[in-house]
Amino acid sequence: MTENKTLHLTLKKKWFDLIASGQKTVEYRDCKPYWEKRLLTDCGDGRHFDRVRFRNGYRADAPTIDVEFKGIYITDPDRCATRHGEVLTGETIAIELGDVM
């Protein structure tokens, strides 16, 4: 029997609600050593996960949702996105999401 590999991420309410409703289908993280080590292989490819578990805050009883994992990639350094109020410039790690489970 294989164990499911889950990526655990904590979000603020605004982003949690947008992902839970299916409106936000990509979650972004800065290309910094912490996230690179967690999300990328030594070759710079995206790691594989079976699902992403989002948690709304740090409280013990904080709500969580599981979302289908579609992949991880590095965005184009010249790309700038402003969807949902996020401003992205430079390289960013993008986590592509599927359906809420």
Protein backbone atom coordinates (compact mmCIF):
# COMPACT_ATOMS: atom_id res chain seq x y z
CA MET A 1 0.00 0.00 0.00
CA THR A 2 1.41 3.40 -0.97
CA GLU A 3 1.13 6.41 1.27
CA ASN A 4 -0.38 9.62 -0.11
CA LYS A 5 2.09 12.48 -0.24
CA THR A 6 0.49 15.71 0.99
CA LEU A 7 1.85 19.23 0.70
CA HIS A 8 0.75 21.28 3.73
CA LEU A 9 0.37 25.05 3.27
CA THR A 10 -1.10 27.73 5.53
CA LEU A 11 -3.08 30.61 4.05
CA LYS A 12 -4.84 33.79 5.09
CA LYS A 13 -8.64 33.71 4.89
CA LYS A 14 -8.89 35.63 1.60
CA TRP A 15 -6.73 33.11 -0.29
CA PHE A 16 -8.22 30.12 1.53
CA ASP A 17 -11.76 31.16 0.53
CA LEU A 18 -10.79 31.77 -3.11
CA ILE A 19 -9.19 28.32 -3.37
CA ALA A 20 -12.10 26.64 -1.55
CA SER A 21 -14.56 28.20 -4.03
CA GLY A 22 -12.46 27.08 -7.02
CA GLN A 23 -11.81 30.65 -8.20
CA LYS A 24 -8.06 30.50 -7.47
CA THR A 25 -6.36 27.58 -9.22
CA VAL A 26 -2.69 28.48 -8.73
CA GLU A 27 -0.93 29.19 -5.43
CA TYR A 28 2.38 31.07 -5.54
CA ARG A 29 5.48 31.05 -3.37
CA ASP A 30 8.59 33.23 -3.69
CA CYS A 31 11.69 31.65 -5.19
CA LYS A 32 13.62 31.68 -1.93
CA PRO A 33 15.77 28.89 -0.45
CA TYR A 34 13.07 27.74 2.01
CA TRP A 35 10.47 27.18 -0.72
CA GLU A 36 12.95 25.90 -3.30
CA LYS A 37 14.09 23.16 -0.90
CA ARG A 38 10.51 22.21 -0.06
CA LEU A 39 8.96 22.37 -3.53
CA LEU A 40 11.76 21.66 -6.03
CA THR A 41 14.13 18.76 -6.66
CA ASP A 42 17.90 19.23 -6.76
CA CYS A 43 17.56 19.53 -10.55
CA GLY A 44 15.06 22.39 -10.21
CA ASP A 45 12.01 20.36 -11.25
CA GLY A 46 8.81 20.48 -9.23
CA ARG A 47 8.34 17.76 -6.63
CA HIS A 48 5.28 15.50 -6.87
CA PHE A 49 2.46 15.47 -4.34
CA ASP A 50 -0.89 13.68 -4.37
CA ARG A 51 -2.77 16.60 -2.87
CA VAL A 52 -2.37 19.98 -1.19
CA ARG A 53 -3.86 20.51 2.27
CA PHE A 54 -4.54 24.17 2.91
CA ARG A 55 -5.04 25.41 6.45
CA ASN A 56 -6.67 28.76 7.23
CA GLY A 57 -4.42 30.04 10.02
CA TYR A 58 -2.44 28.41 12.80
CA ARG A 59 -5.09 27.66 15.42
CA ALA A 60 -5.52 24.01 16.40
CA ASP A 61 -9.12 24.07 15.13
CA ALA A 62 -8.40 26.06 11.94
CA PRO A 63 -10.42 24.92 8.90
CA THR A 64 -8.64 22.83 6.26
CA ILE A 65 -9.37 21.78 2.69
CA ASP A 66 -7.69 19.21 0.47
CA VAL A 67 -7.15 20.14 -3.17
CA GLU A 68 -5.98 18.03 -6.10
CA PHE A 69 -2.30 18.64 -6.95
CA LYS A 70 -1.61 19.25 -10.65
CA GLY A 71 2.06 20.26 -10.67
CA ILE A 72 4.75 22.75 -9.76
CA TYR A 73 6.64 25.02 -12.12
CA ILE A 74 8.75 28.18 -12.08
CA THR A 75 7.05 31.19 -13.66
CA ASP A 76 8.75 33.27 -16.34
CA PRO A 77 11.01 35.92 -14.73
CA ASP A 78 9.49 38.62 -16.94
CA ARG A 79 5.90 37.68 -16.09
CA CYS A 80 3.80 39.94 -13.92
CA ALA A 81 0.42 38.76 -12.66
CA THR A 82 -2.15 40.71 -10.70
CA ARG A 83 -5.03 38.23 -10.54
CA HIS A 84 -6.89 38.30 -7.19
CA GLY A 85 -4.73 41.19 -6.01
CA GLU A 86 -1.43 39.28 -6.09
CA VAL A 87 1.45 41.11 -7.74
CA LEU A 88 4.16 38.77 -8.99
CA THR A 89 7.39 39.94 -10.53
CA GLY A 90 10.46 37.85 -11.16
CA GLU A 91 10.72 34.10 -10.74
CA THR A 92 7.96 32.59 -8.64
CA ILE A 93 7.13 28.99 -7.78
CA ALA A 94 3.61 28.18 -8.96
CA ILE A 95 1.60 25.31 -7.51
CA GLU A 96 -1.12 24.31 -9.94
CA LEU A 97 -4.35 23.16 -8.28
CA GLY A 98 -7.20 20.97 -9.43
CA ASP A 99 -10.55 20.19 -7.85
CA VAL A 100 -11.32 20.63 -4.18
CA MET A 101 -11.57 17.10 -2.74
